[in-house]
Amino acid sequence: MTAETSAPMEGAPLIKPSSTNHEMYDTVVEACRSVFDPEIPVNIYDLGLIYTIEISDTNEVAVLMSLTAPGCPVAGEMPGWVAEAIEPLPGIQSVSVELVWEPPWGMEMMSDEARLELGFM
């Protein structure tokens, strides 16, 4: 049995779009902003670690996220922190958080606020 890896189609986005039009989207983003990488004084949303937030019509949330590096000491814990931040929100039915490594996280994924906070602007 071999694992198949398929490259994205040319012109296809590397990061799946989020459910930005869902009424709960901004609330879920704010919950993600309450989670911090212990080694960096910036929340994980502004760091660019949250790749996709999908929210179904029944308020089931699926988050795709990455880490600054695969060897991150909190790799096993951070997805749980994200789920714990979102689960208590009123109306949320369920939360799943998946770590992904493609595309690899890069400093260009940080928000301007994160760059300012870290002295990169």
PDB file of N, CA and C in Angstrom:
ATOM      1  N   MET A   1       0.853  -1.171   0.000  1.00  0.00           N
ATOM      2  CA  MET A   1       0.000   0.000   0.000  1.00  0.00           C
ATOM      3  C   MET A   1       0.900   1.237   0.000  1.00  0.00           C
ATOM      4  N   THR A   2       0.629   2.158  -0.870  1.00  0.00           N
ATOM      5  CA  THR A   2       1.419   3.385  -0.926  1.00  0.00           C
ATOM      6  C   THR A   2       0.524   4.580  -0.657  1.00  0.00           C
ATOM      7  N   ALA A   3       1.105   5.551  -0.005  1.00  0.00           N
ATOM      8  CA  ALA A   3       0.353   6.782   0.263  1.00  0.00           C
ATOM      9  C   ALA A   3       0.416   7.665  -0.968  1.00  0.00           C
ATOM     10  N   GLU A   4      -0.720   8.175  -1.361  1.00  0.00           N
ATOM     11  CA  GLU A   4      -0.756   9.068  -2.516  1.00  0.00           C
ATOM     12  C   GLU A   4      -0.725  10.508  -2.035  1.00  0.00           C
ATOM     13  N   THR A   5       0.159  11.279  -2.639  1.00  0.00           N
ATOM     14  CA  THR A   5       0.164  12.706  -2.364  1.00  0.00           C
ATOM     15  C   THR A   5      -0.127  13.412  -3.661  1.00  0.00           C
ATOM     16  N   SER A   6      -1.094  14.267  -3.618  1.00  0.00           N
ATOM     17  CA  SER A   6      -1.422  14.990  -4.836  1.00  0.00           C
ATOM     18  C   SER A   6      -1.114  16.461  -4.629  1.00  0.00           C
ATOM     19  N   ALA A   7      -0.420  17.019  -5.581  1.00  0.00           N
ATOM     20  CA  ALA A   7      -0.112  18.444  -5.532  1.00  0.00           C
ATOM     21  C   ALA A   7      -1.374  19.219  -5.867  1.00  0.00           C
ATOM     22  N   PRO A   8      -1.527  20.397  -5.261  1.00  0.00           N
ATOM     23  CA  PRO A   8      -2.703  21.192  -5.604  1.00  0.00           C
ATOM     24  C   PRO A   8      -2.681  21.583  -7.071  1.00  0.00           C
ATOM     25  N   MET A   9      -3.866  21.733  -7.638  1.00  0.00           N
ATOM     26  CA  MET A   9      -3.952  22.164  -9.027  1.00  0.00           C
ATOM     27  C   MET A   9      -3.364  23.559  -9.145  1.00  0.00           C
ATOM     28  N   GLU A  10      -2.769  23.820 -10.280  1.00  0.00           N
ATOM     29  CA  GLU A  10      -2.189  25.140 -10.501  1.00  0.00           C
ATOM     30  C   GLU A  10      -3.265  26.208 -10.350  1.00  0.00           C
ATOM     31  N   GLY A  11      -2.969  27.225  -9.575  1.00  0.00           N
ATOM     32  CA  GLY A  11      -3.921  28.299  -9.336  1.00  0.00           C
ATOM     33  C   GLY A  11      -4.879  28.030  -8.192  1.00  0.00           C
ATOM     34  N   ALA A  12      -4.881  26.800  -7.648  1.00  0.00           N
ATOM     35  CA  ALA A  12      -5.765  26.479  -6.529  1.00  0.00           C
ATOM     36  C   ALA A  12      -5.186  27.067  -5.246  1.00  0.00           C
ATOM     37  N   PRO A  13      -6.045  27.576  -4.348  1.00  0.00           N
ATOM     38  CA  PRO A  13      -5.523  28.126  -3.099  1.00  0.00           C
ATOM     39  C   PRO A  13      -4.902  27.026  -2.247  1.00  0.00           C
ATOM     40  N   LEU A  14      -3.815  27.362  -1.558  1.00  0.00           N
ATOM     41  CA  LEU A  14      -3.163  26.392  -0.686  1.00  0.00           C
ATOM     42  C   LEU A  14      -3.908  26.241   0.633  1.00  0.00           C
ATOM     43  N   ILE A  15      -4.637  27.266   1.011  1.00  0.00           N
ATOM     44  CA  ILE A  15      -5.405  27.235   2.251  1.00  0.00           C
ATOM     45  C   ILE A  15      -6.885  27.331   1.895  1.00  0.00           C
ATOM     46  N   LYS A  16      -7.652  26.373   2.404  1.00  0.00           N
ATOM     47  CA  LYS A  16      -9.094  26.339   2.151  1.00  0.00           C
ATOM     48  C   LYS A  16      -9.748  27.587   2.747  1.00  0.00           C
ATOM     49  N   PRO A  17     -10.688  28.212   2.044  1.00  0.00           N
ATOM     50  CA  PRO A  17     -11.334  29.425   2.562  1.00  0.00           C
ATOM     51  C   PRO A  17     -12.149  29.155   3.829  1.00  0.00           C
ATOM     52  N   SER A  18     -12.256  30.159   4.665  1.00  0.00           N
ATOM     53  CA  SER A  18     -13.046  30.074   5.892  1.00  0.00           C
ATOM     54  C   SER A  18     -14.492  30.472   5.631  1.00  0.00           C
ATOM     55  N   SER A  19     -15.353  30.165   6.606  1.00  0.00           N
ATOM     56  CA  SER A  19     -16.778  30.513   6.532  1.00  0.00           C
ATOM     57  C   SER A  19     -16.984  31.944   7.029  1.00  0.00           C
ATOM     58  N   THR A  20     -16.378  32.908   6.360  1.00  0.00           N
ATOM     59  CA  THR A  20     -16.392  34.289   6.844  1.00  0.00           C
ATOM     60  C   THR A  20     -17.779  34.919   6.858  1.00  0.00           C
ATOM     61  N   ASN A  21     -18.719  34.390   6.107  1.00  0.00           N
ATOM     62  CA  ASN A  21     -20.071  34.950   6.078  1.00  0.00           C
ATOM     63  C   ASN A  21     -20.981  34.384   7.166  1.00  0.00           C
ATOM     64  N   HIS A  22     -20.508  33.370   7.889  1.00  0.00           N
ATOM     65  CA  HIS A  22     -21.339  32.767   8.934  1.00  0.00           C
ATOM     66  C   HIS A  22     -21.463  33.741  10.102  1.00  0.00           C
ATOM     67  N   GLU A  23     -22.652  33.809  10.686  1.00  0.00           N
ATOM     68  CA  GLU A  23     -22.888  34.760  11.786  1.00  0.00           C
ATOM     69  C   GLU A  23     -22.000  34.512  13.005  1.00  0.00           C
ATOM     70  N   MET A  24     -21.476  33.304  13.169  1.00  0.00           N
ATOM     71  CA  MET A  24     -20.620  32.972  14.314  1.00  0.00           C
ATOM     72  C   MET A  24     -19.134  33.189  14.030  1.00  0.00           C
ATOM     73  N   TYR A  25     -18.783  33.513  12.791  1.00  0.00           N
ATOM     74  CA  TYR A  25     -17.367  33.573  12.406  1.00  0.00           C
ATOM     75  C   TYR A  25     -16.555  34.527  13.290  1.00  0.00           C
ATOM     76  N   ASP A  26     -17.000  35.759  13.452  1.00  0.00           N
ATOM     77  CA  ASP A  26     -16.230  36.728  14.236  1.00  0.00           C
ATOM     78  C   ASP A  26     -16.076  36.290  15.688  1.00  0.00           C
ATOM     79  N   THR A  27     -17.096  35.663  16.239  1.00  0.00           N
ATOM     80  CA  THR A  27     -17.040  35.176  17.615  1.00  0.00           C
ATOM     81  C   THR A  27     -16.013  34.056  17.745  1.00  0.00           C
ATOM     82  N   VAL A  28     -15.982  33.160  16.766  1.00  0.00           N
ATOM     83  CA  VAL A  28     -15.006  32.064  16.780  1.00  0.00           C
ATOM     84  C   VAL A  28     -13.591  32.622  16.627  1.00  0.00           C
ATOM     85  N   VAL A  29     -13.417  33.615  15.763  1.00  0.00           N
ATOM     86  CA  VAL A  29     -12.102  34.247  15.600  1.00  0.00           C
ATOM     87  C   VAL A  29     -11.648  34.852  16.924  1.00  0.00           C
ATOM     88  N   GLU A  30     -12.542  35.552  17.617  1.00  0.00           N
ATOM     89  CA  GLU A  30     -12.173  36.155  18.905  1.00  0.00           C
ATOM     90  C   GLU A  30     -11.776  35.082  19.916  1.00  0.00           C
ATOM     91  N   ALA A  31     -12.450  33.941  19.891  1.00  0.00           N
ATOM     92  CA  ALA A  31     -12.074  32.838  20.777  1.00  0.00           C
ATOM     93  C   ALA A  31     -10.670  32.343  20.432  1.00  0.00           C
ATOM     94  N   CYS A  32     -10.366  32.245  19.146  1.00  0.00           N
ATOM     95  CA  CYS A  32      -9.021  31.828  18.724  1.00  0.00           C
ATOM     96  C   CYS A  32      -7.971  32.846  19.170  1.00  0.00           C
ATOM     97  N   ARG A  33      -8.349  34.109  19.186  1.00  0.00           N
ATOM     98  CA  ARG A  33      -7.417  35.161  19.624  1.00  0.00           C
ATOM     99  C   ARG A  33      -7.118  35.089  21.122  1.00  0.00           C
ATOM    100  N   SER A  34      -7.858  34.277  21.863  1.00  0.00           N
ATOM    101  CA  SER A  34      -7.583  34.125  23.296  1.00  0.00           C
ATOM    102  C   SER A  34      -6.522  33.062  23.564  1.00  0.00           C
ATOM    103  N   VAL A  35      -6.068  32.385  22.516  1.00  0.00           N
ATOM    104  CA  VAL A  35      -5.065  31.321  22.654  1.00  0.00           C
ATOM    105  C   VAL A  35      -3.711  31.860  22.206  1.00  0.00           C
ATOM    106  N   PHE A  36      -2.702  31.633  23.036  1.00  0.00           N
ATOM    107  CA  PHE A  36      -1.360  32.136  22.753  1.00  0.00           C
ATOM    108  C   PHE A  36      -0.358  30.999  22.691  1.00  0.00           C
ATOM    109  N   ASP A  37       0.605  31.119  21.784  1.00  0.00           N
ATOM    110  CA  ASP A  37       1.765  30.242  21.779  1.00  0.00           C
ATOM    111  C   ASP A  37       2.594  30.674  22.989  1.00  0.00           C
ATOM    112  N   PRO A  38       2.928  29.762  23.903  1.00  0.00           N
ATOM    113  CA  PRO A  38       3.636  30.161  25.118  1.00  0.00           C
ATOM    114  C   PRO A  38       5.011  30.791  24.856  1.00  0.00           C
ATOM    115  N   GLU A  39       5.577  30.555  23.692  1.00  0.00           N
ATOM    116  CA  GLU A  39       6.909  31.088  23.398  1.00  0.00           C
ATOM    117  C   GLU A  39       6.861  32.436  22.690  1.00  0.00           C
ATOM    118  N   ILE A  40       5.662  32.861  22.253  1.00  0.00           N
ATOM    119  CA  ILE A  40       5.536  34.090  21.470  1.00  0.00           C
ATOM    120  C   ILE A  40       4.387  34.910  22.060  1.00  0.00           C
ATOM    121  N   PRO A  41       4.603  36.197  22.368  1.00  0.00           N
ATOM    122  CA  PRO A  41       3.561  36.994  23.032  1.00  0.00           C
ATOM    123  C   PRO A  41       2.484  37.532  22.083  1.00  0.00           C
ATOM    124  N   VAL A  42       2.058  36.714  21.132  1.00  0.00           N
ATOM    125  CA  VAL A  42       1.029  37.110  20.167  1.00  0.00           C
ATOM    126  C   VAL A  42       0.042  35.949  20.057  1.00  0.00           C
ATOM    127  N   ASN A  43      -1.241  36.269  19.925  1.00  0.00           N
ATOM    128  CA  ASN A  43      -2.235  35.197  19.828  1.00  0.00           C
ATOM    129  C   ASN A  43      -2.058  34.410  18.525  1.00  0.00           C
ATOM    130  N   ILE A  44      -2.546  33.174  18.527  1.00  0.00           N
ATOM    131  CA  ILE A  44      -2.302  32.280  17.390  1.00  0.00           C
ATOM    132  C   ILE A  44      -3.039  32.695  16.128  1.00  0.00           C
ATOM    133  N   TYR A  45      -4.145  33.431  16.266  1.00  0.00           N
ATOM    134  CA  TYR A  45      -4.853  33.894  15.069  1.00  0.00           C
ATOM    135  C   TYR A  45      -4.012  34.940  14.343  1.00  0.00           C
ATOM    136  N   ASP A  46      -3.530  35.940  15.069  1.00  0.00           N
ATOM    137  CA  ASP A  46      -2.725  36.985  14.443  1.00  0.00           C
ATOM    138  C   ASP A  46      -1.351  36.477  14.009  1.00  0.00           C
ATOM    139  N   LEU A  47      -0.882  35.395  14.641  1.00  0.00           N
ATOM    140  CA  LEU A  47       0.364  34.771  14.177  1.00  0.00           C
ATOM    141  C   LEU A  47       0.173  34.098  12.822  1.00  0.00           C
ATOM    142  N   GLY A  48      -1.074  33.830  12.452  1.00  0.00           N
ATOM    143  CA  GLY A  48      -1.349  33.164  11.181  1.00  0.00           C
ATOM    144  C   GLY A  48      -1.372  31.655  11.292  1.00  0.00           C
ATOM    145  N   LEU A  49      -1.507  31.146  12.513  1.00  0.00           N
ATOM    146  CA  LEU A  49      -1.523  29.694  12.704  1.00  0.00           C
ATOM    147  C   LEU A  49      -2.893  29.078  12.417  1.00  0.00           C
ATOM    148  N   ILE A  50      -3.949  29.880  12.442  1.00  0.00           N
ATOM    149  CA  ILE A  50      -5.286  29.385  12.096  1.00  0.00           C
ATOM    150  C   ILE A  50      -5.454  29.559  10.596  1.00  0.00           C
ATOM    151  N   TYR A  51      -5.479  28.449   9.884  1.00  0.00           N
ATOM    152  CA  TYR A  51      -5.581  28.498   8.427  1.00  0.00           C
ATOM    153  C   TYR A  51      -7.030  28.611   7.963  1.00  0.00           C
ATOM    154  N   THR A  52      -7.904  27.783   8.522  1.00  0.00           N
ATOM    155  CA  THR A  52      -9.295  27.740   8.069  1.00  0.00           C
ATOM    156  C   THR A  52     -10.225  27.547   9.256  1.00  0.00           C
ATOM    157  N   ILE A  53     -11.314  28.298   9.256  1.00  0.00           N
ATOM    158  CA  ILE A  53     -12.401  28.096  10.215  1.00  0.00           C
ATOM    159  C   ILE A  53     -13.652  27.840   9.381  1.00  0.00           C
ATOM    160  N   GLU A  54     -14.128  26.601   9.427  1.00  0.00           N
ATOM    161  CA  GLU A  54     -15.366  26.240   8.725  1.00  0.00           C
ATOM    162  C   GLU A  54     -16.469  26.078   9.759  1.00  0.00           C
ATOM    163  N   ILE A  55     -17.601  26.702   9.500  1.00  0.00           N
ATOM    164  CA  ILE A  55     -18.739  26.589  10.409  1.00  0.00           C
ATOM    165  C   ILE A  55     -19.939  26.138   9.582  1.00  0.00           C
ATOM    166  N   SER A  56     -20.500  25.002   9.963  1.00  0.00           N
ATOM    167  CA  SER A  56     -21.639  24.450   9.215  1.00  0.00           C
ATOM    168  C   SER A  56     -22.923  25.200   9.565  1.00  0.00           C
ATOM    169  N   ASP A  57     -23.980  24.891   8.835  1.00  0.00           N
ATOM    170  CA  ASP A  57     -25.294  25.483   9.104  1.00  0.00           C
ATOM    171  C   ASP A  57     -25.817  25.096  10.484  1.00  0.00           C
ATOM    172  N   THR A  58     -25.296  23.989  11.025  1.00  0.00           N
ATOM    173  CA  THR A  58     -25.718  23.544  12.355  1.00  0.00           C
ATOM    174  C   THR A  58     -24.698  23.926  13.429  1.00  0.00           C
ATOM    175  N   ASN A  59     -23.824  24.892  13.109  1.00  0.00           N
ATOM    176  CA  ASN A  59     -22.829  25.435  14.047  1.00  0.00           C
ATOM    177  C   ASN A  59     -21.802  24.412  14.530  1.00  0.00           C
ATOM    178  N   GLU A  60     -21.439  23.495  13.640  1.00  0.00           N
ATOM    179  CA  GLU A  60     -20.312  22.607  13.911  1.00  0.00           C
ATOM    180  C   GLU A  60     -19.080  23.288  13.335  1.00  0.00           C
ATOM    181  N   VAL A  61     -18.036  23.432  14.153  1.00  0.00           N
ATOM    182  CA  VAL A  61     -16.844  24.178  13.762  1.00  0.00           C
ATOM    183  C   VAL A  61     -15.701  23.209  13.480  1.00  0.00           C
ATOM    184  N   ALA A  62     -15.041  23.415  12.344  1.00  0.00           N
ATOM    185  CA  ALA A  62     -13.848  22.644  11.983  1.00  0.00           C
ATOM    186  C   ALA A  62     -12.725  23.645  11.731  1.00  0.00           C
ATOM    187  N   VAL A  63     -11.635  23.492  12.468  1.00  0.00           N
ATOM    188  CA  VAL A  63     -10.495  24.399  12.359  1.00  0.00           C
ATOM    189  C   VAL A  63      -9.303  23.634  11.806  1.00  0.00           C
ATOM    190  N   LEU A  64      -8.656  24.216  10.803  1.00  0.00           N
ATOM    191  CA  LEU A  64      -7.376  23.711  10.317  1.00  0.00           C
ATOM    192  C   LEU A  64      -6.332  24.705  10.779  1.00  0.00           C
ATOM    193  N   MET A  65      -5.312  24.209  11.459  1.00  0.00           N
ATOM    194  CA  MET A  65      -4.284  25.098  11.972  1.00  0.00           C
ATOM    195  C   MET A  65      -2.909  24.476  11.806  1.00  0.00           C
ATOM    196  N   SER A  66      -1.907  25.302  11.957  1.00  0.00           N
ATOM    197  CA  SER A  66      -0.538  24.829  11.895  1.00  0.00           C
ATOM    198  C   SER A  66       0.199  25.343  13.123  1.00  0.00           C
ATOM    199  N   LEU A  67       1.472  25.079  13.169  1.00  0.00           N
ATOM    200  CA  LEU A  67       2.339  25.575  14.237  1.00  0.00           C
ATOM    201  C   LEU A  67       3.527  26.262  13.594  1.00  0.00           C
ATOM    202  N   THR A  68       4.257  27.030  14.380  1.00  0.00           N
ATOM    203  CA  THR A  68       5.412  27.730  13.825  1.00  0.00           C
ATOM    204  C   THR A  68       6.491  26.754  13.377  1.00  0.00           C
ATOM    205  N   ALA A  69       6.532  25.574  14.000  1.00  0.00           N
ATOM    206  CA  ALA A  69       7.501  24.543  13.618  1.00  0.00           C
ATOM    207  C   ALA A  69       6.957  23.179  14.040  1.00  0.00           C
ATOM    208  N   PRO A  70       7.233  22.126  13.263  1.00  0.00           N
ATOM    209  CA  PRO A  70       6.736  20.795  13.628  1.00  0.00           C
ATOM    210  C   PRO A  70       7.208  20.331  15.006  1.00  0.00           C
ATOM    211  N   GLY A  71       8.373  20.790  15.444  1.00  0.00           N
ATOM    212  CA  GLY A  71       8.903  20.377  16.739  1.00  0.00           C
ATOM    213  C   GLY A  71       8.433  21.233  17.892  1.00  0.00           C
ATOM    214  N   CYS A  72       7.408  22.024  17.691  1.00  0.00           N
ATOM    215  CA  CYS A  72       6.881  22.915  18.733  1.00  0.00           C
ATOM    216  C   CYS A  72       6.563  22.097  19.987  1.00  0.00           C
ATOM    217  N   PRO A  73       7.057  22.532  21.157  1.00  0.00           N
ATOM    218  CA  PRO A  73       6.849  21.751  22.376  1.00  0.00           C
ATOM    219  C   PRO A  73       5.380  21.573  22.777  1.00  0.00           C
ATOM    220  N   VAL A  74       4.497  22.436  22.308  1.00  0.00           N
ATOM    221  CA  VAL A  74       3.077  22.316  22.675  1.00  0.00           C
ATOM    222  C   VAL A  74       2.230  21.760  21.533  1.00  0.00           C
ATOM    223  N   ALA A  75       2.870  21.106  20.576  1.00  0.00           N
ATOM    224  CA  ALA A  75       2.156  20.577  19.405  1.00  0.00           C
ATOM    225  C   ALA A  75       0.998  19.664  19.809  1.00  0.00           C
ATOM    226  N   GLY A  76       1.184  18.865  20.829  1.00  0.00           N
ATOM    227  CA  GLY A  76       0.129  17.953  21.253  1.00  0.00           C
ATOM    228  C   GLY A  76      -0.983  18.620  22.033  1.00  0.00           C
ATOM    229  N   GLU A  77      -0.712  19.817  22.555  1.00  0.00           N
ATOM    230  CA  GLU A  77      -1.685  20.487  23.412  1.00  0.00           C
ATOM    231  C   GLU A  77      -2.463  21.610  22.733  1.00  0.00           C
ATOM    232  N   MET A  78      -1.825  22.321  21.809  1.00  0.00           N
ATOM    233  CA  MET A  78      -2.441  23.525  21.262  1.00  0.00           C
ATOM    234  C   MET A  78      -3.785  23.279  20.569  1.00  0.00           C
ATOM    235  N   PRO A  79      -3.960  22.211  19.782  1.00  0.00           N
ATOM    236  CA  PRO A  79      -5.294  21.990  19.197  1.00  0.00           C
ATOM    237  C   PRO A  79      -6.383  21.881  20.272  1.00  0.00           C
ATOM    238  N   GLY A  80      -6.059  21.263  21.389  1.00  0.00           N
ATOM    239  CA  GLY A  80      -7.016  21.169  22.496  1.00  0.00           C
ATOM    240  C   GLY A  80      -7.328  22.527  23.093  1.00  0.00           C
ATOM    241  N   TRP A  81      -6.312  23.386  23.189  1.00  0.00           N
ATOM    242  CA  TRP A  81      -6.536  24.744  23.705  1.00  0.00           C
ATOM    243  C   TRP A  81      -7.499  25.506  22.799  1.00  0.00           C
ATOM    244  N   VAL A  82      -7.329  25.325  21.492  1.00  0.00           N
ATOM    245  CA  VAL A  82      -8.206  26.008  20.534  1.00  0.00           C
ATOM    246  C   VAL A  82      -9.637  25.487  20.690  1.00  0.00           C
ATOM    247  N   ALA A  83      -9.797  24.175  20.752  1.00  0.00           N
ATOM    248  CA  ALA A  83     -11.133  23.592  20.924  1.00  0.00           C
ATOM    249  C   ALA A  83     -11.768  24.075  22.227  1.00  0.00           C
ATOM    250  N   GLU A  84     -10.984  24.118  23.308  1.00  0.00           N
ATOM    251  CA  GLU A  84     -11.505  24.565  24.603  1.00  0.00           C
ATOM    252  C   GLU A  84     -11.925  26.034  24.578  1.00  0.00           C
ATOM    253  N   ALA A  85     -11.297  26.835  23.732  1.00  0.00           N
ATOM    254  CA  ALA A  85     -11.665  28.250  23.619  1.00  0.00           C
ATOM    255  C   ALA A  85     -12.975  28.424  22.849  1.00  0.00           C
ATOM    256  N   ILE A  86     -13.230  27.535  21.889  1.00  0.00           N
ATOM    257  CA  ILE A  86     -14.413  27.669  21.025  1.00  0.00           C
ATOM    258  C   ILE A  86     -15.636  26.957  21.600  1.00  0.00           C
ATOM    259  N   GLU A  87     -15.445  25.783  22.207  1.00  0.00           N
ATOM    260  CA  GLU A  87     -16.572  24.950  22.660  1.00  0.00           C
ATOM    261  C   GLU A  87     -17.583  25.667  23.555  1.00  0.00           C
ATOM    262  N   PRO A  88     -17.161  26.540  24.485  1.00  0.00           N
ATOM    263  CA  PRO A  88     -18.156  27.175  25.368  1.00  0.00           C
ATOM    264  C   PRO A  88     -19.002  28.269  24.708  1.00  0.00           C
ATOM    265  N   LEU A  89     -18.694  28.647  23.488  1.00  0.00           N
ATOM    266  CA  LEU A  89     -19.444  29.721  22.841  1.00  0.00           C
ATOM    267  C   LEU A  89     -20.904  29.314  22.664  1.00  0.00           C
ATOM    268  N   PRO A  90     -21.838  30.213  22.987  1.00  0.00           N
ATOM    269  CA  PRO A  90     -23.259  29.887  22.838  1.00  0.00           C
ATOM    270  C   PRO A  90     -23.596  29.495  21.399  1.00  0.00           C
ATOM    271  N   GLY A  91     -24.296  28.379  21.265  1.00  0.00           N
ATOM    272  CA  GLY A  91     -24.749  27.937  19.953  1.00  0.00           C
ATOM    273  C   GLY A  91     -23.820  26.964  19.253  1.00  0.00           C
ATOM    274  N   ILE A  92     -22.586  26.837  19.715  1.00  0.00           N
ATOM    275  CA  ILE A  92     -21.643  25.917  19.062  1.00  0.00           C
ATOM    276  C   ILE A  92     -22.032  24.486  19.415  1.00  0.00           C
ATOM    277  N   GLN A  93     -22.162  23.633  18.393  1.00  0.00           N
ATOM    278  CA  GLN A  93     -22.567  22.245  18.597  1.00  0.00           C
ATOM    279  C   GLN A  93     -21.378  21.318  18.833  1.00  0.00           C
ATOM    280  N   SER A  94     -20.318  21.507  18.038  1.00  0.00           N
ATOM    281  CA  SER A  94     -19.130  20.664  18.183  1.00  0.00           C
ATOM    282  C   SER A  94     -17.943  21.395  17.569  1.00  0.00           C
ATOM    283  N   VAL A  95     -16.749  20.969  17.978  1.00  0.00           N
ATOM    284  CA  VAL A  95     -15.517  21.588  17.478  1.00  0.00           C
ATOM    285  C   VAL A  95     -14.514  20.492  17.171  1.00  0.00           C
ATOM    286  N   SER A  96     -13.911  20.571  15.992  1.00  0.00           N
ATOM    287  CA  SER A  96     -12.778  19.701  15.681  1.00  0.00           C
ATOM    288  C   SER A  96     -11.631  20.596  15.231  1.00  0.00           C
ATOM    289  N   VAL A  97     -10.439  20.269  15.697  1.00  0.00           N
ATOM    290  CA  VAL A  97      -9.246  21.043  15.350  1.00  0.00           C
ATOM    291  C   VAL A  97      -8.217  20.070  14.806  1.00  0.00           C
ATOM    292  N   GLU A  98      -7.743  20.346  13.608  1.00  0.00           N
ATOM    293  CA  GLU A  98      -6.767  19.472  12.954  1.00  0.00           C
ATOM    294  C   GLU A  98      -5.488  20.248  12.674  1.00  0.00           C
ATOM    295  N   LEU A  99      -4.353  19.641  13.030  1.00  0.00           N
ATOM    296  CA  LEU A  99      -3.050  20.218  12.697  1.00  0.00           C
ATOM    297  C   LEU A  99      -2.681  19.828  11.279  1.00  0.00           C
ATOM    298  N   VAL A 100      -2.263  20.802  10.499  1.00  0.00           N
ATOM    299  CA  VAL A 100      -1.811  20.541   9.130  1.00  0.00           C
ATOM    300  C   VAL A 100      -0.435  21.172   8.953  1.00  0.00           C
ATOM    301  N   TRP A 101       0.334  20.634   8.032  1.00  0.00           N
ATOM    302  CA  TRP A 101       1.696  21.132   7.810  1.00  0.00           C
ATOM    303  C   TRP A 101       1.878  21.711   6.418  1.00  0.00           C
ATOM    304  N   GLU A 102       0.829  21.673   5.612  1.00  0.00           N
ATOM    305  CA  GLU A 102       0.878  22.252   4.267  1.00  0.00           C
ATOM    306  C   GLU A 102      -0.205  23.291   4.132  1.00  0.00           C
ATOM    307  N   PRO A 103       0.075  24.460   3.699  1.00  0.00           N
ATOM    308  CA  PRO A 103       1.428  24.947   3.443  1.00  0.00           C
ATOM    309  C   PRO A 103       2.153  25.199   4.761  1.00  0.00           C
ATOM    310  N   PRO A 104       3.486  25.140   4.727  1.00  0.00           N
ATOM    311  CA  PRO A 104       4.235  25.416   5.955  1.00  0.00           C
ATOM    312  C   PRO A 104       3.994  26.857   6.408  1.00  0.00           C
ATOM    313  N   TRP A 105       3.903  27.040   7.722  1.00  0.00           N
ATOM    314  CA  TRP A 105       3.731  28.384   8.259  1.00  0.00           C
ATOM    315  C   TRP A 105       4.964  29.219   7.946  1.00  0.00           C
ATOM    316  N   GLY A 106       4.745  30.489   7.665  1.00  0.00           N
ATOM    317  CA  GLY A 106       5.838  31.428   7.436  1.00  0.00           C
ATOM    318  C   GLY A 106       5.497  32.773   8.042  1.00  0.00           C
ATOM    319  N   MET A 107       6.504  33.576   8.291  1.00  0.00           N
ATOM    320  CA  MET A 107       6.297  34.876   8.933  1.00  0.00           C
ATOM    321  C   MET A 107       5.383  35.786   8.124  1.00  0.00           C
ATOM    322  N   GLU A 108       5.294  35.556   6.823  1.00  0.00           N
ATOM    323  CA  GLU A 108       4.414  36.376   5.988  1.00  0.00           C
ATOM    324  C   GLU A 108       2.937  36.129   6.303  1.00  0.00           C
ATOM    325  N   MET A 109       2.628  35.088   7.070  1.00  0.00           N
ATOM    326  CA  MET A 109       1.246  34.780   7.433  1.00  0.00           C
ATOM    327  C   MET A 109       0.772  35.589   8.642  1.00  0.00           C
ATOM    328  N   MET A 110       1.687  36.276   9.310  1.00  0.00           N
ATOM    329  CA  MET A 110       1.321  37.070  10.482  1.00  0.00           C
ATOM    330  C   MET A 110       0.552  38.321  10.068  1.00  0.00           C
ATOM    331  N   SER A 111      -0.353  38.749  10.931  1.00  0.00           N
ATOM    332  CA  SER A 111      -1.067  40.010  10.706  1.00  0.00           C
ATOM    333  C   SER A 111      -0.106  41.171  10.947  1.00  0.00           C
ATOM    334  N   ASP A 112      -0.486  42.343  10.471  1.00  0.00           N
ATOM    335  CA  ASP A 112       0.333  43.534  10.723  1.00  0.00           C
ATOM    336  C   ASP A 112       0.474  43.784  12.221  1.00  0.00           C
ATOM    337  N   GLU A 113      -0.588  43.516  12.982  1.00  0.00           N
ATOM    338  CA  GLU A 113      -0.538  43.703  14.430  1.00  0.00           C
ATOM    339  C   GLU A 113       0.521  42.805  15.060  1.00  0.00           C
ATOM    340  N   ALA A 114       0.596  41.557  14.601  1.00  0.00           N
ATOM    341  CA  ALA A 114       1.595  40.629  15.130  1.00  0.00           C
ATOM    342  C   ALA A 114       3.000  41.086  14.764  1.00  0.00           C
ATOM    343  N   ARG A 115       3.182  41.539  13.542  1.00  0.00           N
ATOM    344  CA  ARG A 115       4.501  42.027  13.115  1.00  0.00           C
ATOM    345  C   ARG A 115       4.939  43.218  13.958  1.00  0.00           C
ATOM    346  N   LEU A 116       3.996  44.130  14.227  1.00  0.00           N
ATOM    347  CA  LEU A 116       4.310  45.283  15.074  1.00  0.00           C
ATOM    348  C   LEU A 116       4.704  44.839  16.477  1.00  0.00           C
ATOM    349  N   GLU A 117       3.903  43.956  17.058  1.00  0.00           N
ATOM    350  CA  GLU A 117       4.151  43.463  18.413  1.00  0.00           C
ATOM    351  C   GLU A 117       5.526  42.811  18.529  1.00  0.00           C
ATOM    352  N   LEU A 118       5.930  42.099  17.486  1.00  0.00           N
ATOM    353  CA  LEU A 118       7.207  41.381  17.517  1.00  0.00           C
ATOM    354  C   LEU A 118       8.369  42.206  16.972  1.00  0.00           C
ATOM    355  N   GLY A 119       8.089  43.448  16.571  1.00  0.00           N
ATOM    356  CA  GLY A 119       9.154  44.339  16.115  1.00  0.00           C
ATOM    357  C   GLY A 119       9.615  44.104  14.692  1.00  0.00           C
ATOM    358  N   PHE A 120       8.744  43.532  13.855  1.00  0.00           N
ATOM    359  CA  PHE A 120       9.104  43.286  12.455  1.00  0.00           C
ATOM    360  C   PHE A 120       8.608  44.379  11.523  1.00  0.00           C
ATOM    361  N   MET A 121       8.009  45.443  12.069  1.00  0.00           N
ATOM    362  CA  MET A 121       7.528  46.565  11.244  1.00  0.00           C
ATOM    363  C   MET A 121       8.010  47.862  11.854  1.00  0.00           C
TER     364      MET A 121
END
